[in-house]
Amino acid sequence: MRSRDVKPQSLFFGLPLFPQWTFAAVLLALLMQVQAEVPISLLAHFRSSSELGELRDIQAEWTDGVLKLSTAQAERQAWAVIPAPDAGWDLARSETVNAEIYNSGDEPIGVMFWVVGRHGWDAVLDMAAIAPHQTRSFSCDLRAAFPDGTPKINPGDVRHVQIMLAELIFRPQRADEKANPPPQFGSRITRAVSVEVRKITAQGLAPEWKRPAGRIDVPDIESCAPAPGKRVRYRLLDDALTDIYSVLNLPEDWRPNQKYPVIVEYPGNVFYAAACYSTGLPDQCVIGYGMTKGKGAICLGMPFLDRVSGKLAENGWGNAADTADYVIRMVAEVCAKFGGDRDNVVLTGFSRGAIACGYIGLRDSSIAGLWKGFHACQHYDGDGWNGETLEGAIERASRFQGAGVFQTDNPEDKFRPVTDVMKTQVTWAHSGLGFHSTAMFLDDRPSTQQLRQWFWKIVEKQRP
């Protein structure tokens, strides 16, 4: 008997109804449609403000299901972190995370609403200005992607939601402008502002999220003793009671009494904007992990610091001499205690950290001799940022004694005057990501594979 095409006989709530469909299948489809329209509260696990994560220059009060935030002064933006519950939020099929935020103060306020991923995933943002005593809805797209299509976030692996307040800067209208320019988000808060976060929900029903091929997850940071495969906050003995730390990652295959190459990494500058989510802390150092996939080498995320203040410098160089002295001491300790190979130490960094390869890593002969090679991503010494100059970069470059340099997403013509002085082989690669981020190092794109091959060749080790 010849089969015939079966066509739907009617529609049931907008769904095609085939004769062979069971009632259960139709009911399931209907329930999924209803589910897509029912918001899921992300505050259901909250009972008090004591359950919040980091509060930066802000006061928080949890009253009758409303989170009240206020501040009168902040050196940068002020923020409150709402961590996911221990079991996580079930957002794998959600489209967006939404918030309803009311400006309860008498000043206009800029609000950034972030959803931040774990395991090296990035963050997604909605931001807007809110007039006094007005309410604004925010929506973060959990399926947002970088310009090349790489997902920014894994919706099933969200670390926290972050509400960030910023003072607005109003620029006068120029004669050639037809309307007042939009306000800019400032980096300080100098007057009293307050908001009420009335709802945070997940909404929509999206197709099942698919992990990009080759994407690796970076281990979360823990406060424990160093161990194979773990990323831990690590302090020198002198800093045991201070806020100064690095992030130490022993490889999964680490064994005592063996030698391992060391990747030292500097993070980008603190920067929260549509173009970037950067904390300025060593916690965000993931390039080394991406270069090694967590095997065969020790990764060391380094801070910028100022000994006088006793704090890590999220912004700028801190005290450059203190920062350089700290990395010298930390490399020595990692080599002595954990089998780091002094002859195979590579320095890498992103943005500010890329500039630091030269500005910090070559500032004098005592530190310049540490490095077997450099890898810099999206900026480099000679950019003219925060006091460093092209002339100074060229002078520093002459101190390089390593075997090679790898540049990711840096213009060759701009930095050739610096790298030529280094008298070494320089590799130039473009990731194609199209964004100010380190996400490209956590997948298998050609530029990342090229970087991995370069690393294992330069440290003269067999790739694990």
Protein backbone atom coordinates (compact mmCIF):
# COMPACT_ATOMS: atom_id res chain seq x y z
CA MET A 1 0.00 0.00 0.00
CA ARG A 2 1.48 3.34 -1.03
CA SER A 3 1.91 5.84 1.77
CA ARG A 4 0.34 9.25 1.45
CA ASP A 5 1.32 12.61 2.93
CA VAL A 6 -0.69 13.30 6.07
CA LYS A 7 -1.90 16.86 6.39
CA PRO A 8 -3.16 18.55 9.52
CA GLN A 9 -6.95 18.65 9.71
CA SER A 10 -7.27 21.69 11.96
CA LEU A 11 -5.50 23.94 14.40
CA PHE A 12 -5.62 23.55 18.17
CA PHE A 13 -4.64 26.79 19.99
CA GLY A 14 -2.58 27.70 16.93
CA LEU A 15 -0.91 24.25 16.77
CA PRO A 16 -1.38 21.86 13.81
CA LEU A 17 -3.48 18.85 14.82
CA PHE A 18 -2.60 15.54 13.13
CA PRO A 19 -4.86 12.49 13.46
CA GLN A 20 -2.08 10.39 14.97
CA TRP A 21 -1.39 12.88 17.74
CA THR A 22 -2.45 11.77 21.18
CA PHE A 23 -4.27 13.98 23.59
CA ALA A 24 -1.22 13.90 25.89
CA ALA A 25 1.02 15.31 23.16
CA VAL A 26 -1.39 18.15 22.47
CA LEU A 27 -1.69 18.87 26.19
CA LEU A 28 2.11 18.95 26.56
CA ALA A 29 2.43 21.42 23.69
CA LEU A 30 -0.25 23.58 25.25
CA LEU A 31 1.47 23.53 28.65
CA MET A 32 4.74 24.59 27.03
CA GLN A 33 2.98 27.49 25.39
CA VAL A 34 1.47 28.55 28.72
CA GLN A 35 4.85 28.15 30.45
CA ALA A 36 6.41 30.61 28.04
CA GLU A 37 3.97 33.26 29.22
CA VAL A 38 4.43 32.73 32.99
CA PRO A 39 7.38 34.67 34.47
CA ILE A 40 9.67 32.78 36.86
CA SER A 41 10.74 34.83 39.89
CA LEU A 42 14.49 34.87 40.52
CA LEU A 43 13.94 36.28 44.00
CA ALA A 44 11.85 33.39 45.34
CA HIS A 45 14.77 32.06 47.38
CA PHE A 46 15.40 35.42 49.07
CA ARG A 47 14.41 36.10 52.67
CA SER A 48 16.62 39.05 53.73
CA SER A 49 19.33 41.40 52.50
CA SER A 50 21.91 39.30 54.37
CA GLU A 51 21.62 36.76 51.54
CA LEU A 52 22.95 39.24 48.99
CA GLY A 53 26.41 38.90 47.53
CA GLU A 54 28.82 41.82 47.20
CA LEU A 55 27.51 45.25 48.18
CA ARG A 56 29.84 47.91 46.76
CA ASP A 57 29.34 51.37 48.29
CA ILE A 58 25.61 50.72 48.66
CA GLN A 59 23.06 50.00 51.38
CA ALA A 60 20.44 47.31 50.88
CA GLU A 61 17.11 46.56 52.55
CA TRP A 62 14.74 43.71 51.71
CA THR A 63 11.15 44.57 52.62
CA ASP A 64 7.96 42.81 51.52
CA GLY A 65 9.55 41.36 48.41
CA VAL A 66 11.16 44.65 47.35
CA LEU A 67 14.93 45.23 47.32
CA LYS A 68 15.69 48.84 48.29
CA LEU A 69 19.15 50.15 47.34
CA SER A 70 20.63 53.53 48.26
CA THR A 71 23.95 55.34 48.30
CA ALA A 72 25.26 58.87 48.64
CA GLN A 73 28.86 58.38 47.54
CA ALA A 74 30.86 55.87 45.52
CA GLU A 75 34.36 55.98 44.04
CA ARG A 76 33.03 54.15 41.01
CA GLN A 77 29.61 52.72 40.28
CA ALA A 78 27.77 51.29 43.27
CA TRP A 79 26.22 47.85 43.04
CA ALA A 80 24.44 44.95 44.66
CA VAL A 81 24.89 41.32 43.65
CA ILE A 82 22.02 38.84 43.85
CA PRO A 83 23.60 35.38 43.75
CA ALA A 84 21.87 32.37 42.28
CA PRO A 85 20.63 29.81 44.82
CA ASP A 86 22.88 26.85 45.56
CA ALA A 87 21.02 24.72 43.04
CA GLY A 88 21.19 27.50 40.45
CA TRP A 89 18.39 29.09 38.45
CA ASP A 90 16.71 26.96 35.82
CA LEU A 91 17.13 29.37 32.89
CA ALA A 92 18.25 26.96 30.19
CA ARG A 93 15.02 27.41 28.23
CA SER A 94 14.32 31.06 29.16
CA GLU A 95 14.72 33.89 26.66
CA THR A 96 15.29 36.87 28.94
CA VAL A 97 15.85 37.97 32.51
CA ASN A 98 13.73 41.02 33.29
CA ALA A 99 13.62 43.54 36.11
CA GLU A 100 11.28 46.30 37.19
CA ILE A 101 13.21 49.11 38.87
CA TYR A 102 11.75 52.28 40.41
CA ASN A 103 13.79 55.44 41.03
CA SER A 104 12.70 56.33 44.57
CA GLY A 105 15.06 59.32 44.85
CA ASP A 106 14.94 62.93 43.74
CA GLU A 107 17.83 62.67 41.25
CA PRO A 108 17.90 60.98 37.84
CA ILE A 109 19.98 57.81 37.99
CA GLY A 110 21.71 55.52 35.54
CA VAL A 111 21.02 51.82 36.07
CA MET A 112 22.93 48.87 34.62
CA PHE A 113 21.16 45.53 34.94
CA TRP A 114 23.56 42.61 34.41
CA VAL A 115 23.19 38.85 34.18
CA VAL A 116 26.64 37.35 34.79
CA GLY A 117 27.77 33.86 33.82
CA ARG A 118 29.99 31.34 35.58
CA HIS A 119 32.91 29.23 34.36
CA GLY A 120 34.40 31.92 32.15
CA TRP A 121 31.17 32.90 30.41
CA ASP A 122 30.65 36.63 29.92
CA ALA A 123 27.67 38.83 30.90
CA VAL A 124 24.64 40.42 29.26
CA LEU A 125 23.36 43.91 29.97
CA ASP A 126 20.44 46.27 29.75
CA MET A 127 21.04 49.87 30.81
CA ALA A 128 19.00 53.06 30.96
CA ALA A 129 18.51 56.35 32.75
CA ILE A 130 15.50 56.60 35.08
CA ALA A 131 13.95 59.93 35.98
CA PRO A 132 12.98 60.62 39.62
CA HIS A 133 9.92 58.69 40.78
CA GLN A 134 9.65 56.78 37.53
CA THR A 135 9.73 53.03 36.83
CA ARG A 136 11.62 51.33 34.03
CA SER A 137 11.58 47.72 32.83
CA PHE A 138 14.88 46.08 31.97
CA SER A 139 15.45 42.98 29.86
CA CYS A 140 18.67 40.98 29.38
CA ASP A 141 18.77 38.66 26.38
CA LEU A 142 20.02 35.23 27.50
CA ARG A 143 20.67 34.32 23.86
CA ALA A 144 22.83 37.39 23.16
CA ALA A 145 25.94 36.75 21.08
CA PHE A 146 29.17 38.47 20.11
CA PRO A 147 29.35 39.87 16.55
CA ASP A 148 30.70 36.57 15.21
CA GLY A 149 27.79 34.60 16.68
CA THR A 150 29.62 33.23 19.75
CA PRO A 151 27.17 33.08 22.70
CA LYS A 152 27.96 35.57 25.45
CA ILE A 153 26.46 33.47 28.18
CA ASN A 154 25.28 29.97 28.98
CA PRO A 155 21.71 30.54 30.24
CA GLY A 156 21.89 27.36 32.27
CA ASP A 157 25.02 28.51 34.12
CA VAL A 158 24.32 31.97 35.57
CA ARG A 159 26.35 33.08 38.60
CA HIS A 160 24.41 36.15 39.64
CA VAL A 161 22.33 39.17 38.74
CA GLN A 162 23.91 42.56 39.41
CA ILE A 163 22.20 45.95 39.79
CA MET A 164 24.64 48.78 39.26
CA LEU A 165 23.96 52.48 39.88
CA ALA A 166 25.82 55.31 38.15
CA GLU A 167 25.57 59.07 38.34
CA LEU A 168 24.41 60.70 35.11
CA ILE A 169 26.46 63.34 33.32
CA PHE A 170 24.49 65.81 31.22
CA ARG A 171 26.37 67.54 28.40
CA PRO A 172 25.07 70.91 27.13
CA GLN A 173 23.42 70.88 23.73
CA ARG A 174 25.66 72.16 20.93
CA ALA A 175 24.41 74.68 18.38
CA ASP A 176 24.50 72.07 15.60
CA GLU A 177 22.43 69.53 17.57
CA LYS A 178 18.66 69.34 17.14
CA ALA A 179 18.04 67.80 20.54
CA ASN A 180 19.67 67.48 23.91
CA PRO A 181 22.31 64.74 23.88
CA PRO A 182 21.53 61.67 25.98
CA PRO A 183 23.14 61.61 29.43
CA GLN A 184 26.35 59.67 29.93
CA PHE A 185 26.94 57.18 32.74
CA GLY A 186 29.59 58.55 35.09
CA SER A 187 32.17 56.57 37.04
CA ARG A 188 31.47 58.18 40.43
CA ILE A 189 28.47 58.92 42.63
CA THR A 190 28.53 62.21 44.51
CA ARG A 191 24.91 62.70 45.60
CA ALA A 192 22.18 60.66 47.21
CA VAL A 193 20.36 58.21 44.94
CA SER A 194 18.03 55.30 45.61
CA VAL A 195 16.06 52.67 43.72
CA GLU A 196 13.60 49.89 44.44
CA VAL A 197 14.00 46.59 42.62
CA ARG A 198 10.45 45.30 42.52
CA LYS A 199 10.72 42.27 40.28
CA ILE A 200 13.37 40.06 38.72
CA THR A 201 11.96 37.34 36.53
CA ALA A 202 12.91 34.95 33.75
CA GLN A 203 10.55 35.04 30.79
CA GLY A 204 9.92 33.42 27.43
CA LEU A 205 10.48 29.90 26.17
CA ALA A 206 13.52 29.49 23.92
CA PRO A 207 14.80 26.45 22.04
CA GLU A 208 17.21 24.25 23.94
CA TRP A 209 20.56 26.03 24.24
CA LYS A 210 23.45 24.30 22.49
CA ARG A 211 27.04 24.54 23.66
CA PRO A 212 29.41 25.71 20.90
CA ALA A 213 31.75 22.98 19.72
CA GLY A 214 35.04 22.97 21.62
CA ARG A 215 33.92 25.45 24.28
CA ILE A 216 35.65 24.80 27.62
CA ASP A 217 34.51 25.81 31.10
CA VAL A 218 36.91 27.54 33.48
CA PRO A 219 36.77 26.23 37.08
CA ASP A 220 35.16 28.52 39.63
CA ILE A 221 37.51 30.17 42.12
CA GLU A 222 37.64 28.64 45.59
CA SER A 223 39.10 29.71 48.91
CA CYS A 224 41.01 26.56 49.75
CA ALA A 225 44.46 25.00 49.51
CA PRO A 226 45.95 24.61 46.01
CA ALA A 227 45.16 21.26 44.39
CA PRO A 228 45.20 19.80 40.86
CA GLY A 229 42.45 21.27 38.70
CA LYS A 230 41.39 23.93 41.20
CA ARG A 231 41.55 27.73 40.83
CA VAL A 232 42.18 29.21 44.28
CA ARG A 233 42.88 32.58 45.83
CA TYR A 234 46.50 32.41 46.92
CA ARG A 235 48.38 34.73 49.24
CA LEU A 236 52.04 35.17 50.07
CA LEU A 237 52.75 34.64 53.75
CA ASP A 238 53.24 38.39 54.31
CA ASP A 239 49.80 39.01 52.82
CA ALA A 240 47.92 36.34 54.75
CA LEU A 241 45.80 38.91 56.63
CA THR A 242 45.38 41.39 53.77
CA ASP A 243 43.13 41.74 50.73
CA ILE A 244 46.06 41.12 48.37
CA TYR A 245 45.89 37.83 46.49
CA SER A 246 46.58 36.14 43.18
CA VAL A 247 44.64 33.29 41.53
CA LEU A 248 46.58 30.02 41.32
CA ASN A 249 45.53 27.15 39.09
CA LEU A 250 47.51 23.93 39.24
CA PRO A 251 46.83 21.80 36.15
CA GLU A 252 44.59 18.74 36.33
CA ASP A 253 47.60 16.52 35.71
CA TRP A 254 49.80 18.19 38.35
CA ARG A 255 52.06 15.88 40.33
CA PRO A 256 54.62 16.74 43.03
CA ASN A 257 58.32 16.76 42.16
CA GLN A 258 57.68 17.55 38.50
CA LYS A 259 58.29 20.76 36.54
CA TYR A 260 55.57 22.71 34.74
CA PRO A 261 55.59 25.81 32.53
CA VAL A 262 53.98 28.84 34.16
CA ILE A 263 51.57 31.28 32.51
CA VAL A 264 51.38 34.60 34.36
CA GLU A 265 48.35 36.70 33.40
CA TYR A 266 47.22 40.27 34.06
CA PRO A 267 43.51 41.25 33.82
CA GLY A 268 41.89 44.16 32.04
CA ASN A 269 40.99 47.44 33.72
CA VAL A 270 37.72 47.74 35.59
CA PHE A 271 35.18 48.71 32.94
CA TYR A 272 31.42 48.30 32.97
CA ALA A 273 29.70 49.37 29.76
CA ALA A 274 27.82 48.02 26.77
CA ALA A 275 31.18 47.10 25.27
CA CYS A 276 32.63 45.21 28.24
CA TYR A 277 32.11 43.59 31.64
CA SER A 278 35.50 43.78 33.34
CA THR A 279 36.02 43.65 37.10
CA GLY A 280 39.73 44.56 37.04
CA LEU A 281 40.46 41.59 39.31
CA PRO A 282 42.67 38.51 38.77
CA ASP A 283 39.53 36.37 39.09
CA GLN A 284 38.80 37.20 35.44
CA CYS A 285 42.12 35.86 34.14
CA VAL A 286 41.09 33.02 31.81
CA ILE A 287 43.50 33.31 28.87
CA GLY A 288 46.03 30.94 30.43
CA TYR A 289 43.37 28.34 31.08
CA GLY A 290 42.22 28.65 27.48
CA MET A 291 45.78 28.26 26.21
CA THR A 292 46.30 25.01 28.13
CA LYS A 293 42.75 23.66 28.60
CA GLY A 294 43.74 23.22 32.23
CA LYS A 295 46.51 20.71 31.61
CA GLY A 296 50.31 20.68 31.53
CA ALA A 297 51.00 24.18 32.88
CA ILE A 298 50.47 26.28 36.01
CA CYS A 299 48.30 29.38 35.50
CA LEU A 300 48.73 32.41 37.74
CA GLY A 301 46.28 35.34 37.63
CA MET A 302 48.01 38.45 38.93
CA PRO A 303 46.67 41.69 40.42
CA PHE A 304 47.82 45.26 40.16
CA LEU A 305 48.33 46.58 43.67
CA ASP A 306 49.36 49.40 45.95
CA ARG A 307 51.11 48.45 49.19
CA VAL A 308 50.24 51.76 50.85
CA SER A 309 46.51 51.19 50.50
CA GLY A 310 46.88 47.45 51.01
CA LYS A 311 44.37 46.77 48.23
CA LEU A 312 44.24 45.43 44.72
CA ALA A 313 44.01 48.12 42.06
CA GLU A 314 40.97 47.46 39.88
CA ASN A 315 41.75 50.68 38.02
CA GLY A 316 45.14 51.71 36.63
CA TRP A 317 48.53 50.32 37.60
CA GLY A 318 48.24 50.68 41.36
CA ASN A 319 51.84 51.32 42.29
CA ALA A 320 53.80 49.98 39.30
CA ALA A 321 56.87 49.17 41.39
CA ASP A 322 54.76 47.26 43.94
CA THR A 323 52.99 45.41 41.14
CA ALA A 324 56.30 44.37 39.56
CA ASP A 325 57.84 43.33 42.88
CA TYR A 326 54.78 41.23 43.69
CA VAL A 327 54.91 39.22 40.47
CA ILE A 328 58.63 38.53 40.94
CA ARG A 329 57.96 37.17 44.42
CA MET A 330 54.91 35.19 43.35
CA VAL A 331 56.68 33.52 40.42
CA ALA A 332 59.55 32.57 42.73
CA GLU A 333 57.13 31.03 45.24
CA VAL A 334 55.16 29.09 42.63
CA CYS A 335 58.38 27.69 41.19
CA ALA A 336 59.72 26.75 44.63
CA LYS A 337 56.53 25.24 46.07
CA PHE A 338 54.62 23.87 43.10
CA GLY A 339 57.19 22.89 40.51
CA GLY A 340 57.02 25.91 38.25
CA ASP A 341 59.79 25.91 35.65
CA ARG A 342 61.78 29.15 35.93
CA ASP A 343 63.03 28.71 32.37
CA ASN A 344 59.52 28.51 30.92
CA VAL A 345 57.45 31.41 32.25
CA VAL A 346 55.16 33.17 29.76
CA LEU A 347 53.41 36.48 30.41
CA THR A 348 49.98 37.22 28.96
CA GLY A 349 47.23 39.79 29.46
CA PHE A 350 44.04 41.34 28.16
CA SER A 351 43.54 45.07 27.52
CA ARG A 352 45.25 46.78 30.51
CA GLY A 353 46.93 43.42 31.15
CA ALA A 354 48.23 43.33 27.57
CA ILE A 355 49.81 46.76 28.03
CA ALA A 356 51.28 45.51 31.30
CA CYS A 357 53.30 42.89 29.43
CA GLY A 358 55.67 45.70 28.53
CA TYR A 359 54.84 48.41 31.03
CA ILE A 360 55.19 46.12 34.06
CA GLY A 361 56.93 43.06 32.62
CA LEU A 362 59.85 45.01 31.13
CA ARG A 363 60.08 47.96 33.49
CA ASP A 364 63.59 46.97 34.65
CA SER A 365 66.16 44.21 34.24
CA SER A 366 65.13 42.42 37.45
CA ILE A 367 61.74 41.51 36.03
CA ALA A 368 62.52 41.42 32.30
CA GLY A 369 64.57 38.25 32.66
CA LEU A 370 61.59 36.22 33.89
CA TRP A 371 59.83 35.79 30.56
CA LYS A 372 60.22 33.12 27.90
CA GLY A 373 57.54 34.82 25.81
CA PHE A 374 54.66 37.32 25.69
CA HIS A 375 51.08 37.03 24.54
CA ALA A 376 49.02 40.25 24.39
CA CYS A 377 45.34 40.61 23.51
CA GLN A 378 43.59 43.82 22.40
CA HIS A 379 46.14 46.51 23.32
CA TYR A 380 49.86 46.54 23.96
CA ASP A 381 52.60 48.68 25.47
CA GLY A 382 52.85 51.91 23.49
CA ASP A 383 49.10 52.52 23.33
CA GLY A 384 49.46 55.73 25.34
CA TRP A 385 47.13 54.58 28.13
CA ASN A 386 47.44 55.86 31.69
CA GLY A 387 50.86 57.44 31.40
CA GLU A 388 52.71 54.96 29.19
CA THR A 389 54.08 56.26 25.88
CA LEU A 390 55.35 54.85 22.59
CA GLU A 391 58.84 56.13 23.34
CA GLY A 392 58.82 54.48 26.74
CA ALA A 393 57.49 51.25 25.27
CA ILE A 394 60.33 51.14 22.73
CA GLU A 395 62.88 51.62 25.51
CA ARG A 396 61.28 48.86 27.59
CA ALA A 397 61.08 46.53 24.58
CA SER A 398 64.87 46.48 24.34
CA ARG A 399 64.96 44.57 27.66
CA PHE A 400 63.03 41.58 26.27
CA GLN A 401 65.11 38.40 26.37
CA GLY A 402 62.50 35.81 25.46
CA ALA A 403 61.97 33.51 22.49
CA GLY A 404 58.76 34.86 20.96
CA VAL A 405 55.74 37.17 21.05
CA PHE A 406 52.14 36.42 20.06
CA GLN A 407 49.64 39.23 19.43
CA THR A 408 45.87 38.64 19.31
CA ASP A 409 43.61 41.33 17.79
CA ASN A 410 46.32 43.99 17.73
CA PRO A 411 47.16 46.08 14.63
CA GLU A 412 50.58 45.10 13.31
CA ASP A 413 51.39 48.49 11.79
CA LYS A 414 50.72 50.27 15.11
CA PHE A 415 52.95 48.11 17.29
CA ARG A 416 55.71 47.15 14.86
CA PRO A 417 57.95 50.00 16.14
CA VAL A 418 57.83 48.29 19.56
CA THR A 419 58.03 44.63 18.59
CA ASP A 420 60.87 45.23 16.09
CA VAL A 421 63.06 46.33 19.01
CA MET A 422 62.39 43.04 20.79
CA LYS A 423 64.40 41.20 18.12
CA THR A 424 62.28 38.06 18.24
CA GLN A 425 59.71 36.28 16.13
CA VAL A 426 56.27 37.91 16.39
CA THR A 427 53.02 36.17 15.45
CA TRP A 428 49.97 38.30 14.62
CA ALA A 429 46.51 36.69 14.79
CA HIS A 430 42.92 37.93 14.57
CA SER A 431 40.24 36.11 16.53
CA GLY A 432 37.21 37.39 14.63
CA LEU A 433 35.25 37.77 17.89
CA GLY A 434 34.64 41.46 17.18
CA PHE A 435 34.30 42.44 20.85
CA HIS A 436 36.38 43.55 23.83
CA SER A 437 36.45 40.21 25.65
CA THR A 438 38.55 37.09 26.27
CA ALA A 439 35.82 34.69 25.14
CA MET A 440 37.80 33.67 22.04
CA PHE A 441 40.35 31.79 24.14
CA LEU A 442 37.77 29.34 25.47
CA ASP A 443 36.86 27.74 22.15
CA ASP A 444 38.69 26.06 19.27
CA ARG A 445 38.71 28.88 16.70
CA PRO A 446 41.80 29.01 14.44
CA SER A 447 43.49 31.89 16.29
CA THR A 448 43.19 30.07 19.62
CA GLN A 449 44.52 26.82 18.20
CA GLN A 450 47.43 28.79 16.73
CA LEU A 451 48.10 30.36 20.15
CA ARG A 452 48.07 26.96 21.86
CA GLN A 453 50.54 25.56 19.33
CA TRP A 454 52.77 28.62 19.80
CA PHE A 455 52.75 28.20 23.59
CA TRP A 456 53.72 24.53 23.66
CA LYS A 457 56.41 25.14 21.08
CA ILE A 458 57.91 28.08 22.93
CA VAL A 459 58.10 26.22 26.25
CA GLU A 460 59.51 23.17 24.42
CA LYS A 461 56.95 20.82 25.92
CA GLN A 462 54.77 18.12 24.41
CA ARG A 463 51.13 19.20 24.38
CA PRO A 464 49.13 17.16 26.98
